[in-house]
C-alpha atoms as a PDB file:
ATOM      1  CA  MET A   1       0.000   0.000   0.000  1.00  0.00           C
ATOM      2  CA  THR A   2       1.244   3.489  -0.763  1.00  0.00           C
ATOM      3  CA  ARG A   3      -0.041   6.855   0.310  1.00  0.00           C
ATOM      4  CA  THR A   4       0.664  10.482  -0.417  1.00  0.00           C
ATOM      5  CA  ILE A   5       2.670  12.308   2.239  1.00  0.00           C
ATOM      6  CA  THR A   6       1.947  15.954   2.967  1.00  0.00           C
ATOM      7  CA  PRO A   7       4.641  18.263   4.351  1.00  0.00           C
ATOM      8  CA  ILE A   8       2.821  18.558   7.682  1.00  0.00           C
ATOM      9  CA  LEU A   9       3.675  14.908   8.397  1.00  0.00           C
ATOM     10  CA  LEU A  10       7.382  15.581   8.093  1.00  0.00           C
ATOM     11  CA  THR A  11       8.120  17.016  11.553  1.00  0.00           C
ATOM     12  CA  LEU A  12      11.125  14.983  12.599  1.00  0.00           C
ATOM     13  CA  LEU A  13      14.435  16.682  13.260  1.00  0.00           C
ATOM     14  CA  PHE A  14      17.427  14.704  14.451  1.00  0.00           C
ATOM     15  CA  THR A  15      20.730  15.495  16.129  1.00  0.00           C
ATOM     16  CA  SER A  16      24.059  14.071  15.010  1.00  0.00           C
ATOM     17  CA  CYS A  17      26.754  12.806  17.335  1.00  0.00           C
ATOM     18  CA  HIS A  18      28.347  16.269  17.078  1.00  0.00           C
ATOM     19  CA  GLY A  19      25.234  17.959  18.414  1.00  0.00           C
ATOM     20  CA  ARG A  20      24.207  19.605  15.148  1.00  0.00           C
ATOM     21  CA  THR A  21      20.499  19.870  14.459  1.00  0.00           C
ATOM     22  CA  LEU A  22      19.973  18.552  10.959  1.00  0.00           C
ATOM     23  CA  PRO A  23      16.935  18.843   8.683  1.00  0.00           C
ATOM     24  CA  SER A  24      15.050  15.729   7.679  1.00  0.00           C
ATOM     25  CA  PRO A  25      15.450  14.364   4.149  1.00  0.00           C
ATOM     26  CA  PRO A  26      13.083  15.713   1.470  1.00  0.00           C
ATOM     27  CA  VAL A  27       9.454  14.617   1.594  1.00  0.00           C
ATOM     28  CA  PRO A  28       8.845  11.884  -1.015  1.00  0.00           C
ATOM     29  CA  LYS A  29       5.665  11.660  -3.041  1.00  0.00           C
ATOM     30  CA  GLU A  30       5.094   8.093  -1.871  1.00  0.00           C
ATOM     31  CA  SER A  31       6.180   6.017   1.080  1.00  0.00           C
ATOM     32  CA  LEU A  32       6.347   2.382   2.123  1.00  0.00           C
ATOM     33  CA  THR A  33       6.296   1.199   5.724  1.00  0.00           C
ATOM     34  CA  PHE A  34       8.666  -1.529   6.911  1.00  0.00           C
ATOM     35  CA  ALA A  35       8.224  -3.145  10.319  1.00  0.00           C
ATOM     36  CA  PHE A  36       9.725  -5.840  12.501  1.00  0.00           C
ATOM     37  CA  TYR A  37       8.210  -7.862  15.352  1.00  0.00           C
ATOM     38  CA  ASN A  38       9.641 -10.523  17.660  1.00  0.00           C
ATOM     39  CA  THR A  39       6.456 -12.458  18.378  1.00  0.00           C
ATOM     40  CA  GLU A  40       7.714 -14.303  21.501  1.00  0.00           C
ATOM     41  CA  ASN A  41       7.132 -18.015  21.124  1.00  0.00           C
ATOM     42  CA  LEU A  42       4.511 -18.058  18.387  1.00  0.00           C
ATOM     43  CA  TRP A  43       3.997 -21.812  18.424  1.00  0.00           C
ATOM     44  CA  ASP A  44       1.520 -24.136  16.807  1.00  0.00           C
ATOM     45  CA  PRO A  45      -0.058 -26.240  19.614  1.00  0.00           C
ATOM     46  CA  GLU A  46       0.092 -29.374  17.463  1.00  0.00           C
ATOM     47  CA  ASP A  47       2.993 -31.675  18.325  1.00  0.00           C
ATOM     48  CA  ASP A  48       5.507 -32.007  15.493  1.00  0.00           C
ATOM     49  CA  PRO A  49       7.050 -35.508  15.741  1.00  0.00           C
ATOM     50  CA  ALA A  50      10.089 -34.323  13.777  1.00  0.00           C
ATOM     51  CA  SER A  51      10.880 -31.579  16.303  1.00  0.00           C
ATOM     52  CA  HIS A  52      11.645 -31.787  19.996  1.00  0.00           C
ATOM     53  CA  GLY A  53      11.651 -28.014  20.357  1.00  0.00           C
ATOM     54  CA  ASP A  54       7.860 -27.770  20.443  1.00  0.00           C
ATOM     55  CA  ASP A  55       7.256 -30.400  23.138  1.00  0.00           C
ATOM     56  CA  ASP A  56       6.614 -27.771  25.816  1.00  0.00           C
ATOM     57  CA  PHE A  57       4.239 -25.803  23.576  1.00  0.00           C
ATOM     58  CA  THR A  58       1.419 -28.320  23.350  1.00  0.00           C
ATOM     59  CA  PRO A  59      -1.719 -28.629  25.474  1.00  0.00           C
ATOM     60  CA  GLU A  60       0.002 -31.363  27.492  1.00  0.00           C
ATOM     61  CA  GLY A  61       3.412 -29.648  27.599  1.00  0.00           C
ATOM     62  CA  SER A  62       4.825 -27.539  30.407  1.00  0.00           C
ATOM     63  CA  MET A  63       3.493 -24.319  28.804  1.00  0.00           C
ATOM     64  CA  ARG A  64      -0.036 -25.715  28.416  1.00  0.00           C
ATOM     65  CA  TRP A  65      -0.132 -24.139  24.965  1.00  0.00           C
ATOM     66  CA  THR A  66      -3.640 -24.427  23.526  1.00  0.00           C
ATOM     67  CA  ASN A  67      -5.466 -23.258  20.448  1.00  0.00           C
ATOM     68  CA  ASP A  68      -7.321 -20.671  22.547  1.00  0.00           C
ATOM     69  CA  ARG A  69      -4.021 -19.212  23.736  1.00  0.00           C
ATOM     70  CA  LEU A  70      -2.663 -19.180  20.190  1.00  0.00           C
ATOM     71  CA  GLU A  71      -5.774 -17.397  18.917  1.00  0.00           C
ATOM     72  CA  ARG A  72      -5.498 -14.751  21.635  1.00  0.00           C
ATOM     73  CA  LYS A  73      -1.880 -14.172  20.639  1.00  0.00           C
ATOM     74  CA  LEU A  74      -2.669 -14.000  16.921  1.00  0.00           C
ATOM     75  CA  ALA A  75      -5.446 -11.488  17.627  1.00  0.00           C
ATOM     76  CA  GLY A  76      -2.959  -9.300  19.512  1.00  0.00           C
ATOM     77  CA  ILE A  77      -0.368  -9.478  16.721  1.00  0.00           C
ATOM     78  CA  ALA A  78      -2.999  -8.612  14.119  1.00  0.00           C
ATOM     79  CA  ARG A  79      -4.238  -5.691  16.217  1.00  0.00           C
ATOM     80  CA  ALA A  80      -0.681  -4.382  16.503  1.00  0.00           C
ATOM     81  CA  MET A  81      -0.135  -4.696  12.763  1.00  0.00           C
ATOM     82  CA  ARG A  82      -3.353  -2.875  11.927  1.00  0.00           C
ATOM     83  CA  GLY A  83      -2.519  -0.049  14.340  1.00  0.00           C
ATOM     84  CA  MET A  84       0.954   0.730  13.035  1.00  0.00           C
ATOM     85  CA  ASN A  85       1.563   3.534  10.549  1.00  0.00           C
ATOM     86  CA  ASP A  86      -1.496   5.594  11.557  1.00  0.00           C
ATOM     87  CA  TYR A  87      -3.740   2.544  11.176  1.00  0.00           C
ATOM     88  CA  HIS A  88      -2.594   1.873   7.626  1.00  0.00           C
ATOM     89  CA  GLY A  89      -0.450  -1.064   8.788  1.00  0.00           C
ATOM     90  CA  PRO A  90       2.975  -2.009   7.450  1.00  0.00           C
ATOM     91  CA  ASP A  91       3.557  -2.819   3.801  1.00  0.00           C
ATOM     92  CA  LEU A  92       6.131  -5.385   4.872  1.00  0.00           C
ATOM     93  CA  ILE A  93       6.818  -6.844   8.317  1.00  0.00           C
ATOM     94  CA  GLY A  94       9.666  -9.132   9.316  1.00  0.00           C
ATOM     95  CA  MET A  95       9.016 -11.533  12.170  1.00  0.00           C
ATOM     96  CA  CYS A  96      11.002 -13.868  14.363  1.00  0.00           C
ATOM     97  CA  GLU A  97      10.475 -16.460  17.092  1.00  0.00           C
ATOM     98  CA  LEU A  98       7.706 -18.317  15.281  1.00  0.00           C
ATOM     99  CA  GLU A  99       7.444 -22.051  14.739  1.00  0.00           C
ATOM    100  CA  ASN A 100       6.233 -22.599  11.191  1.00  0.00           C
ATOM    101  CA  ARG A 101       4.319 -21.373   8.177  1.00  0.00           C
ATOM    102  CA  HIS A 102       1.032 -22.661   9.583  1.00  0.00           C
ATOM    103  CA  VAL A 103       0.853 -20.009  12.317  1.00  0.00           C
ATOM    104  CA  LEU A 104       1.480 -17.336   9.682  1.00  0.00           C
ATOM    105  CA  GLU A 105      -1.264 -18.748   7.472  1.00  0.00           C
ATOM    106  CA  ARG A 106      -3.694 -18.584  10.372  1.00  0.00           C
ATOM    107  CA  LEU A 107      -2.646 -14.990  11.095  1.00  0.00           C
ATOM    108  CA  THR A 108      -3.101 -13.817   7.500  1.00  0.00           C
ATOM    109  CA  ARG A 109      -6.274 -15.784   6.758  1.00  0.00           C
ATOM    110  CA  GLU A 110      -8.198 -15.558  10.028  1.00  0.00           C
ATOM    111  CA  PHE A 111      -7.023 -12.392  11.778  1.00  0.00           C
ATOM    112  CA  LEU A 112      -6.062 -10.027   8.955  1.00  0.00           C
ATOM    113  CA  PRO A 113      -8.065  -9.063   5.843  1.00  0.00           C
ATOM    114  CA  PRO A 114      -7.948 -12.056   3.461  1.00  0.00           C
ATOM    115  CA  GLY A 115      -5.466 -11.635   0.649  1.00  0.00           C
ATOM    116  CA  GLU A 116      -3.840  -8.512   2.088  1.00  0.00           C
ATOM    117  CA  TYR A 117      -0.525 -10.190   2.960  1.00  0.00           C
ATOM    118  CA  ASP A 118       1.548 -12.940   1.374  1.00  0.00           C
ATOM    119  CA  ILE A 119       4.086 -15.023   3.301  1.00  0.00           C
ATOM    120  CA  ALA A 120       7.805 -15.563   2.825  1.00  0.00           C
ATOM    121  CA  HIS A 121       9.056 -18.318   5.094  1.00  0.00           C
ATOM    122  CA  ALA A 122      11.583 -21.148   5.238  1.00  0.00           C
ATOM    123  CA  GLU A 123      12.621 -23.479   8.040  1.00  0.00           C
ATOM    124  CA  SER A 124      15.763 -22.550   9.972  1.00  0.00           C
ATOM    125  CA  PRO A 125      18.140 -25.027  11.630  1.00  0.00           C
ATOM    126  CA  ASP A 126      17.621 -23.545  15.116  1.00  0.00           C
ATOM    127  CA  GLU A 127      17.314 -26.420  17.591  1.00  0.00           C
ATOM    128  CA  ARG A 128      14.337 -24.818  19.332  1.00  0.00           C
ATOM    129  CA  GLY A 129      12.524 -24.901  16.010  1.00  0.00           C
ATOM    130  CA  ILE A 130      11.921 -21.161  15.689  1.00  0.00           C
ATOM    131  CA  ASP A 131      12.210 -19.313  12.381  1.00  0.00           C
ATOM    132  CA  VAL A 132      12.266 -15.886  10.764  1.00  0.00           C
ATOM    133  CA  ALA A 133       9.679 -14.828   8.183  1.00  0.00           C
ATOM    134  CA  LEU A 134       8.185 -11.952   6.210  1.00  0.00           C
ATOM    135  CA  LEU A 135       4.639 -10.840   5.545  1.00  0.00           C
ATOM    136  CA  TYR A 136       4.258  -8.423   2.660  1.00  0.00           C
ATOM    137  CA  ARG A 137       1.525  -6.815   0.640  1.00  0.00           C
ATOM    138  CA  PRO A 138       1.675  -8.253  -2.894  1.00  0.00           C
ATOM    139  CA  ALA A 139       0.179  -4.984  -4.128  1.00  0.00           C
ATOM    140  CA  MET A 140       3.321  -3.269  -2.796  1.00  0.00           C
ATOM    141  CA  ALA A 141       5.932  -5.401  -4.560  1.00  0.00           C
ATOM    142  CA  THR A 142       6.544  -8.818  -6.114  1.00  0.00           C
ATOM    143  CA  LEU A 143       8.744 -11.341  -4.333  1.00  0.00           C
ATOM    144  CA  LYS A 144      11.276 -12.505  -6.918  1.00  0.00           C
ATOM    145  CA  ARG A 145      13.611 -14.689  -4.876  1.00  0.00           C
ATOM    146  CA  LEU A 146      14.077 -16.025  -1.350  1.00  0.00           C
ATOM    147  CA  THR A 147      17.549 -17.079  -0.137  1.00  0.00           C
ATOM    148  CA  MET A 148      18.392 -18.425   3.314  1.00  0.00           C
ATOM    149  CA  HIS A 149      21.962 -17.844   4.510  1.00  0.00           C
ATOM    150  CA  ARG A 150      23.378 -20.336   6.993  1.00  0.00           C
ATOM    151  CA  VAL A 151      25.502 -18.890   9.821  1.00  0.00           C
ATOM    152  CA  ASP A 152      28.470 -20.940  11.001  1.00  0.00           C
ATOM    153  CA  LEU A 153      29.082 -20.343  14.721  1.00  0.00           C
ATOM    154  CA  GLY A 154      31.985 -22.763  14.866  1.00  0.00           C
ATOM    155  CA  ALA A 155      32.614 -26.356  15.896  1.00  0.00           C
ATOM    156  CA  GLY A 156      30.484 -27.616  18.752  1.00  0.00           C
ATOM    157  CA  GLU A 157      28.043 -24.685  18.683  1.00  0.00           C
ATOM    158  CA  ARG A 158      24.323 -25.234  18.275  1.00  0.00           C
ATOM    159  CA  PRO A 159      22.943 -23.924  14.982  1.00  0.00           C
ATOM    160  CA  THR A 160      21.279 -20.521  14.981  1.00  0.00           C
ATOM    161  CA  ARG A 161      18.670 -18.926  12.768  1.00  0.00           C
ATOM    162  CA  ASP A 162      19.420 -18.375   9.092  1.00  0.00           C
ATOM    163  CA  ILE A 163      19.491 -14.846   7.695  1.00  0.00           C
ATOM    164  CA  MET A 164      16.617 -14.462   5.236  1.00  0.00           C
ATOM    165  CA  GLU A 165      17.332 -12.558   2.025  1.00  0.00           C
ATOM    166  CA  ALA A 166      14.163 -11.585   0.156  1.00  0.00           C
ATOM    167  CA  THR A 167      14.482  -9.915  -3.245  1.00  0.00           C
ATOM    168  CA  PHE A 168      11.529  -7.770  -4.331  1.00  0.00           C
ATOM    169  CA  GLU A 169      10.624  -5.930  -7.514  1.00  0.00           C
ATOM    170  CA  ARG A 170       8.490  -2.803  -7.557  1.00  0.00           C
ATOM    171  CA  LYS A 171       7.779  -0.833 -10.720  1.00  0.00           C
ATOM    172  CA  GLY A 172      10.814  -2.311 -12.421  1.00  0.00           C
ATOM    173  CA  ARG A 173      13.224  -1.644  -9.530  1.00  0.00           C
ATOM    174  CA  ILE A 174      14.787  -4.177  -7.188  1.00  0.00           C
ATOM    175  CA  PHE A 175      15.204  -3.949  -3.425  1.00  0.00           C
ATOM    176  CA  THR A 176      16.352  -6.482  -0.841  1.00  0.00           C
ATOM    177  CA  VAL A 177      15.144  -7.194   2.696  1.00  0.00           C
ATOM    178  CA  LEU A 178      17.299  -9.090   5.202  1.00  0.00           C
ATOM    179  CA  VAL A 179      15.542 -10.591   8.242  1.00  0.00           C
ATOM    180  CA  ASN A 180      17.679 -11.481  11.260  1.00  0.00           C
ATOM    181  CA  HIS A 181      17.383 -13.063  14.697  1.00  0.00           C
ATOM    182  CA  TRP A 182      20.817 -13.074  16.292  1.00  0.00           C
ATOM    183  CA  PRO A 183      21.883 -15.342  19.197  1.00  0.00           C
ATOM    184  CA  SER A 184      20.558 -14.387  22.609  1.00  0.00           C
ATOM    185  CA  ARG A 185      22.459 -13.333  25.711  1.00  0.00           C
ATOM    186  CA  ARG A 186      21.163 -16.267  27.715  1.00  0.00           C
ATOM    187  CA  GLU A 187      24.645 -17.505  28.600  1.00  0.00           C
ATOM    188  CA  GLY A 188      25.836 -13.968  29.385  1.00  0.00           C
ATOM    189  CA  ALA A 189      26.402 -10.842  27.281  1.00  0.00           C
ATOM    190  CA  ALA A 190      30.201 -11.134  27.125  1.00  0.00           C
ATOM    191  CA  GLU A 191      30.194 -14.906  26.707  1.00  0.00           C
ATOM    192  CA  SER A 192      27.729 -14.809  23.797  1.00  0.00           C
ATOM    193  CA  GLU A 193      29.087 -11.675  22.100  1.00  0.00           C
ATOM    194  CA  PRO A 194      31.410 -13.592  19.712  1.00  0.00           C
ATOM    195  CA  LYS A 195      28.367 -15.388  18.276  1.00  0.00           C
ATOM    196  CA  ARG A 196      26.571 -12.152  17.465  1.00  0.00           C
ATOM    197  CA  LYS A 197      29.747 -10.785  15.902  1.00  0.00           C
ATOM    198  CA  LEU A 198      29.910 -13.854  13.664  1.00  0.00           C
ATOM    199  CA  VAL A 199      26.310 -13.300  12.537  1.00  0.00           C
ATOM    200  CA  ALA A 200      27.055  -9.603  11.994  1.00  0.00           C
ATOM    201  CA  ALA A 201      30.020 -10.542   9.817  1.00  0.00           C
ATOM    202  CA  THR A 202      27.778 -12.854   7.775  1.00  0.00           C
ATOM    203  CA  ALA A 203      25.218 -10.069   7.312  1.00  0.00           C
ATOM    204  CA  ALA A 204      28.014  -7.678   6.301  1.00  0.00           C
ATOM    205  CA  ARG A 205      29.225 -10.121   3.641  1.00  0.00           C
ATOM    206  CA  ILE A 206      25.715 -10.451   2.216  1.00  0.00           C
ATOM    207  CA  ILE A 207      25.361  -6.660   2.067  1.00  0.00           C
ATOM    208  CA  ASP A 208      28.811  -6.200   0.524  1.00  0.00           C
ATOM    209  CA  SER A 209      28.055  -8.798  -2.149  1.00  0.00           C
ATOM    210  CA  LEU A 210      24.853  -6.960  -3.108  1.00  0.00           C
ATOM    211  CA  VAL A 211      26.627  -3.583  -3.169  1.00  0.00           C
ATOM    212  CA  ALA A 212      29.433  -5.059  -5.287  1.00  0.00           C
ATOM    213  CA  LEU A 213      26.823  -5.908  -7.933  1.00  0.00           C
ATOM    214  CA  ASP A 214      25.088  -2.539  -7.575  1.00  0.00           C
ATOM    215  CA  PRO A 215      26.702   0.291  -5.563  1.00  0.00           C
ATOM    216  CA  ALA A 216      23.262   1.923  -5.241  1.00  0.00           C
ATOM    217  CA  ALA A 217      21.587  -1.284  -3.986  1.00  0.00           C
ATOM    218  CA  ASP A 218      18.487  -0.659  -1.855  1.00  0.00           C
ATOM    219  CA  ILE A 219      18.763  -2.905   1.212  1.00  0.00           C
ATOM    220  CA  VAL A 220      16.567  -2.902   4.314  1.00  0.00           C
ATOM    221  CA  MET A 221      17.989  -5.029   7.124  1.00  0.00           C
ATOM    222  CA  MET A 222      15.808  -5.709  10.144  1.00  0.00           C
ATOM    223  CA  GLY A 223      15.753  -7.980  13.131  1.00  0.00           C
ATOM    224  CA  ASP A 224      16.114  -8.761  16.800  1.00  0.00           C
ATOM    225  CA  LEU A 225      19.874  -8.405  17.043  1.00  0.00           C
ATOM    226  CA  ASN A 226      20.101  -9.040  20.808  1.00  0.00           C
ATOM    227  CA  ASP A 227      22.652  -6.215  20.831  1.00  0.00           C
ATOM    228  CA  GLU A 228      22.096  -2.473  20.888  1.00  0.00           C
ATOM    229  CA  PRO A 229      23.286  -0.001  18.242  1.00  0.00           C
ATOM    230  CA  ALA A 230      26.408   0.936  20.251  1.00  0.00           C
ATOM    231  CA  ASP A 231      27.517  -2.686  20.765  1.00  0.00           C
ATOM    232  CA  GLY A 232      30.462  -3.990  18.783  1.00  0.00           C
ATOM    233  CA  SER A 233      28.531  -6.387  16.566  1.00  0.00           C
ATOM    234  CA  VAL A 234      26.314  -3.603  15.207  1.00  0.00           C
ATOM    235  CA  HIS A 235      28.473  -0.493  15.562  1.00  0.00           C
ATOM    236  CA  ASP A 236      31.809  -1.970  14.472  1.00  0.00           C
ATOM    237  CA  VAL A 237      31.368  -5.283  12.633  1.00  0.00           C
ATOM    238  CA  LEU A 238      28.247  -4.292  10.701  1.00  0.00           C
ATOM    239  CA  ASP A 239      29.393  -0.655  10.692  1.00  0.00           C
ATOM    240  CA  ALA A 240      25.836   0.665  11.120  1.00  0.00           C
ATOM    241  CA  ARG A 241      25.599   4.222  12.461  1.00  0.00           C
ATOM    242  CA  ALA A 242      23.070   7.016  12.858  1.00  0.00           C
ATOM    243  CA  TYR A 243      22.644   9.119   9.738  1.00  0.00           C
ATOM    244  CA  ASP A 244      24.699  12.317   9.936  1.00  0.00           C
ATOM    245  CA  GLY A 245      22.931  14.242   7.199  1.00  0.00           C
ATOM    246  CA  GLU A 246      25.687  13.846   4.646  1.00  0.00           C
ATOM    247  CA  ARG A 247      25.217  12.471   1.134  1.00  0.00           C
ATOM    248  CA  ASP A 248      28.684  10.925   1.313  1.00  0.00           C
ATOM    249  CA  PHE A 249      27.790   8.966   4.455  1.00  0.00           C
ATOM    250  CA  SER A 250      30.877   6.796   4.874  1.00  0.00           C
ATOM    251  CA  HIS A 251      29.608   3.846   6.920  1.00  0.00           C
ATOM    252  CA  ARG A 252      28.241   0.603   5.527  1.00  0.00           C
ATOM    253  CA  MET A 253      24.713   1.079   6.887  1.00  0.00           C
ATOM    254  CA  ILE A 254      22.377   3.719   8.339  1.00  0.00           C
ATOM    255  CA  ASN A 255      20.985   2.557  11.681  1.00  0.00           C
ATOM    256  CA  THR A 256      17.587   4.117  12.333  1.00  0.00           C
ATOM    257  CA  ALA A 257      17.512   2.545  15.817  1.00  0.00           C
ATOM    258  CA  ALA A 258      20.610   4.456  16.965  1.00  0.00           C
ATOM    259  CA  PRO A 259      18.760   7.755  17.681  1.00  0.00           C
ATOM    260  CA  VAL A 260      16.188   5.849  19.769  1.00  0.00           C
ATOM    261  CA  ALA A 261      18.904   4.174  21.822  1.00  0.00           C
ATOM    262  CA  ALA A 262      20.707   7.484  22.277  1.00  0.00           C
ATOM    263  CA  MET A 263      17.590   9.105  23.779  1.00  0.00           C
ATOM    264  CA  ASP A 264      17.145   6.110  26.133  1.00  0.00           C
ATOM    265  CA  THR A 265      13.564   6.913  27.090  1.00  0.00           C
ATOM    266  CA  ILE A 266      12.021   3.743  25.651  1.00  0.00           C
ATOM    267  CA  GLY A 267      13.182   0.686  23.753  1.00  0.00           C
ATOM    268  CA  SER A 268      11.760  -2.392  22.107  1.00  0.00           C
ATOM    269  CA  TYR A 269      12.651  -4.660  25.053  1.00  0.00           C
ATOM    270  CA  TYR A 270      12.720  -4.181  28.832  1.00  0.00           C
ATOM    271  CA  TYR A 271      15.222  -6.189  30.862  1.00  0.00           C
ATOM    272  CA  HIS A 272      16.272  -5.771  34.490  1.00  0.00           C
ATOM    273  CA  ASN A 273      14.529  -2.372  34.701  1.00  0.00           C
ATOM    274  CA  ASP A 274      16.343  -1.070  31.656  1.00  0.00           C
ATOM    275  CA  TRP A 275      15.107  -0.276  28.149  1.00  0.00           C
ATOM    276  CA  GLU A 276      17.047  -1.898  25.312  1.00  0.00           C
ATOM    277  CA  THR A 277      16.777  -1.089  21.607  1.00  0.00           C
ATOM    278  CA  ILE A 278      17.577  -4.508  20.185  1.00  0.00           C
ATOM    279  CA  ASP A 279      14.924  -4.607  17.433  1.00  0.00           C
ATOM    280  CA  GLN A 280      16.403  -2.535  14.654  1.00  0.00           C
ATOM    281  CA  ILE A 281      15.739  -1.377  11.089  1.00  0.00           C
ATOM    282  CA  ILE A 282      18.940  -0.589   9.210  1.00  0.00           C
ATOM    283  CA  LEU A 283      19.324   0.846   5.701  1.00  0.00           C
ATOM    284  CA  SER A 284      21.976   0.698   3.008  1.00  0.00           C
ATOM    285  CA  ARG A 285      23.529   3.830   1.560  1.00  0.00           C
ATOM    286  CA  GLY A 286      21.564   3.100  -1.617  1.00  0.00           C
ATOM    287  CA  LEU A 287      18.576   4.781   0.028  1.00  0.00           C
ATOM    288  CA  LEU A 288      20.441   8.093  -0.198  1.00  0.00           C
ATOM    289  CA  ASN A 289      19.781   7.800  -3.931  1.00  0.00           C
ATOM    290  CA  PRO A 290      16.265   9.110  -4.708  1.00  0.00           C
ATOM    291  CA  ALA A 291      15.570   6.322  -7.244  1.00  0.00           C
ATOM    292  CA  GLY A 292      13.687   3.342  -5.846  1.00  0.00           C
ATOM    293  CA  LEU A 293      13.640   3.203  -2.044  1.00  0.00           C
ATOM    294  CA  SER A 294      14.835   6.478  -0.541  1.00  0.00           C
ATOM    295  CA  LEU A 295      15.617   7.810   2.905  1.00  0.00           C
ATOM    296  CA  TYR A 296      12.611   9.512   4.485  1.00  0.00           C
ATOM    297  CA  GLU A 297      12.472   8.840   8.230  1.00  0.00           C
ATOM    298  CA  THR A 298      15.865   8.617   9.913  1.00  0.00           C
ATOM    299  CA  THR A 299      14.570   7.182  13.199  1.00  0.00           C
ATOM    300  CA  GLU A 300      12.502   4.039  13.620  1.00  0.00           C
ATOM    301  CA  THR A 301       9.313   4.182  15.682  1.00  0.00           C
ATOM    302  CA  ILE A 302       8.788   1.939  18.697  1.00  0.00           C
ATOM    303  CA  TYR A 303       5.120   0.983  18.478  1.00  0.00           C
ATOM    304  CA  ALA A 304       3.942   0.828  22.101  1.00  0.00           C
ATOM    305  CA  PRO A 305       0.172   1.393  22.421  1.00  0.00           C
ATOM    306  CA  GLU A 306      -1.421   0.652  25.792  1.00  0.00           C
ATOM    307  CA  PHE A 307      -2.843  -2.720  24.727  1.00  0.00           C
ATOM    308  CA  LEU A 308       0.725  -4.000  24.208  1.00  0.00           C
ATOM    309  CA  ARG A 309       1.922  -2.693  27.605  1.00  0.00           C
ATOM    310  CA  ASP A 310       1.814  -4.205  31.089  1.00  0.00           C
ATOM    311  CA  ALA A 311       0.874  -1.548  33.632  1.00  0.00           C
ATOM    312  CA  ARG A 312       0.230  -4.080  36.387  1.00  0.00           C
ATOM    313  CA  SER A 313       3.782  -5.400  36.647  1.00  0.00           C
ATOM    314  CA  ASP A 314       5.342  -1.940  36.347  1.00  0.00           C
ATOM    315  CA  PRO A 315       2.943   1.048  36.271  1.00  0.00           C
ATOM    316  CA  VAL A 316       5.799   3.485  35.545  1.00  0.00           C
ATOM    317  CA  ALA A 317       7.717   1.804  32.703  1.00  0.00           C
ATOM    318  CA  ARG A 318       4.710  -0.148  31.378  1.00  0.00           C
ATOM    319  CA  PRO A 319       6.917  -2.671  29.551  1.00  0.00           C
ATOM    320  CA  PRO A 320       5.778  -5.080  26.824  1.00  0.00           C
ATOM    321  CA  TYR A 321       2.971  -7.362  27.977  1.00  0.00           C
ATOM    322  CA  HIS A 322       4.594 -10.812  27.884  1.00  0.00           C
ATOM    323  CA  THR A 323       2.827 -13.990  26.916  1.00  0.00           C
ATOM    324  CA  TYR A 324       4.720 -15.812  29.671  1.00  0.00           C
ATOM    325  CA  ILE A 325       6.717 -14.615  32.660  1.00  0.00           C
ATOM    326  CA  LYS A 326       9.393 -16.518  34.584  1.00  0.00           C
ATOM    327  CA  SER A 327       9.562 -18.793  31.533  1.00  0.00           C
ATOM    328  CA  VAL A 328       6.449 -20.849  32.351  1.00  0.00           C
ATOM    329  CA  LYS A 329       3.692 -18.662  33.866  1.00  0.00           C
ATOM    330  CA  TYR A 330       1.099 -17.712  31.268  1.00  0.00           C
ATOM    331  CA  ILE A 331      -0.253 -14.149  31.636  1.00  0.00           C
ATOM    332  CA  GLY A 332      -1.789 -13.728  28.186  1.00  0.00           C
ATOM    333  CA  GLY A 333       0.118 -10.822  26.671  1.00  0.00           C
ATOM    334  CA  THR A 334       1.085 -10.552  23.008  1.00  0.00           C
ATOM    335  CA  SER A 335       4.893 -10.393  23.154  1.00  0.00           C
ATOM    336  CA  ASP A 336       7.858  -9.476  25.348  1.00  0.00           C
ATOM    337  CA  HIS A 337       9.007  -7.098  22.568  1.00  0.00           C
ATOM    338  CA  PHE A 338       7.411  -4.024  21.076  1.00  0.00           C
ATOM    339  CA  PRO A 339       7.293  -3.946  17.263  1.00  0.00           C
ATOM    340  CA  VAL A 340       9.202  -1.241  15.407  1.00  0.00           C
ATOM    341  CA  PHE A 341       8.436   0.409  12.084  1.00  0.00           C
ATOM    342  CA  LEU A 342       9.946   2.900   9.650  1.00  0.00           C
ATOM    343  CA  ARG A 343       8.633   4.783   6.653  1.00  0.00           C
ATOM    344  CA  VAL A 344      10.892   4.909   3.613  1.00  0.00           C
ATOM    345  CA  GLY A 345      10.314   6.967   0.502  1.00  0.00           C
ATOM    346  CA  TRP A 346       9.712   5.676  -2.981  1.00  0.00           C
ATOM    347  CA  GLY A 347      11.287   7.574  -5.810  1.00  0.00           C
ATOM    348  CA  GLY A 348       9.780   5.649  -8.692  1.00  0.00           C
END
């Protein structure tokens, strides 16, 4: 879906690391909205004999995961999608922490307008059985190719999620979306950091290969990176930085999550009484070219309406309303992450 943007909507100013107040990029005639959502254990309650990762998420499993609970979760995800972008919804949304294509089919067929979104999905080697995926409006662009990139974490390490590379065509122009879900910090931030740096290096190689073919390549990278914009995997290995207002921006990628993290008033995830901006939308320098996708908003939006927030557990911070707390206690929220979205221009 596209819509005309009037100048009154362009109110965002941003500040560079040098403290300069910089004007926003020019207002495009059209925009597209890209979003990302970690859906926190979006499991199918049916037992998959080929997978041991879903044993807990069945009616008889430790999570007591039922169809009613799944439907409540899908209704919350759909409500969040419809509410984003001034109730126009995203044109494309990357997702992670979901079990299979079936849950996405239920979401798109039963909880969203029929035919509005198509699905891009492939199974990942993650031992828990969780995948990454994309929902996109076929009226927005045509999916031309889907490539899954395996990430090698080294001998003896459990496999992690693939990086999804989705190639789209819109009005004769190509753009690429990369969907990521980097290794968690479960074993400790410092201990697990080398894994995230390995995934970042893989993502950087994918981006560099696309830019080698086309220096003006339009690439939108998104995901739950389990690191913040200032952490080494993102800031140094991926070389993704806040936009500084210059056409000759010298870094590999423009990180639209960096200004959010710098303000530190909210994030996409709340951990140990601290906001973290780990769900990020990152753009290639190709979007500085007005043809095809173009830079419009320089800061992603954390979508945090009251129905996605938990005022009972913390009436001040009102963090994301989890589906489960303490790993096993069901409380019925939608996700432990807030979704994020970003409007990009379309230059035709």
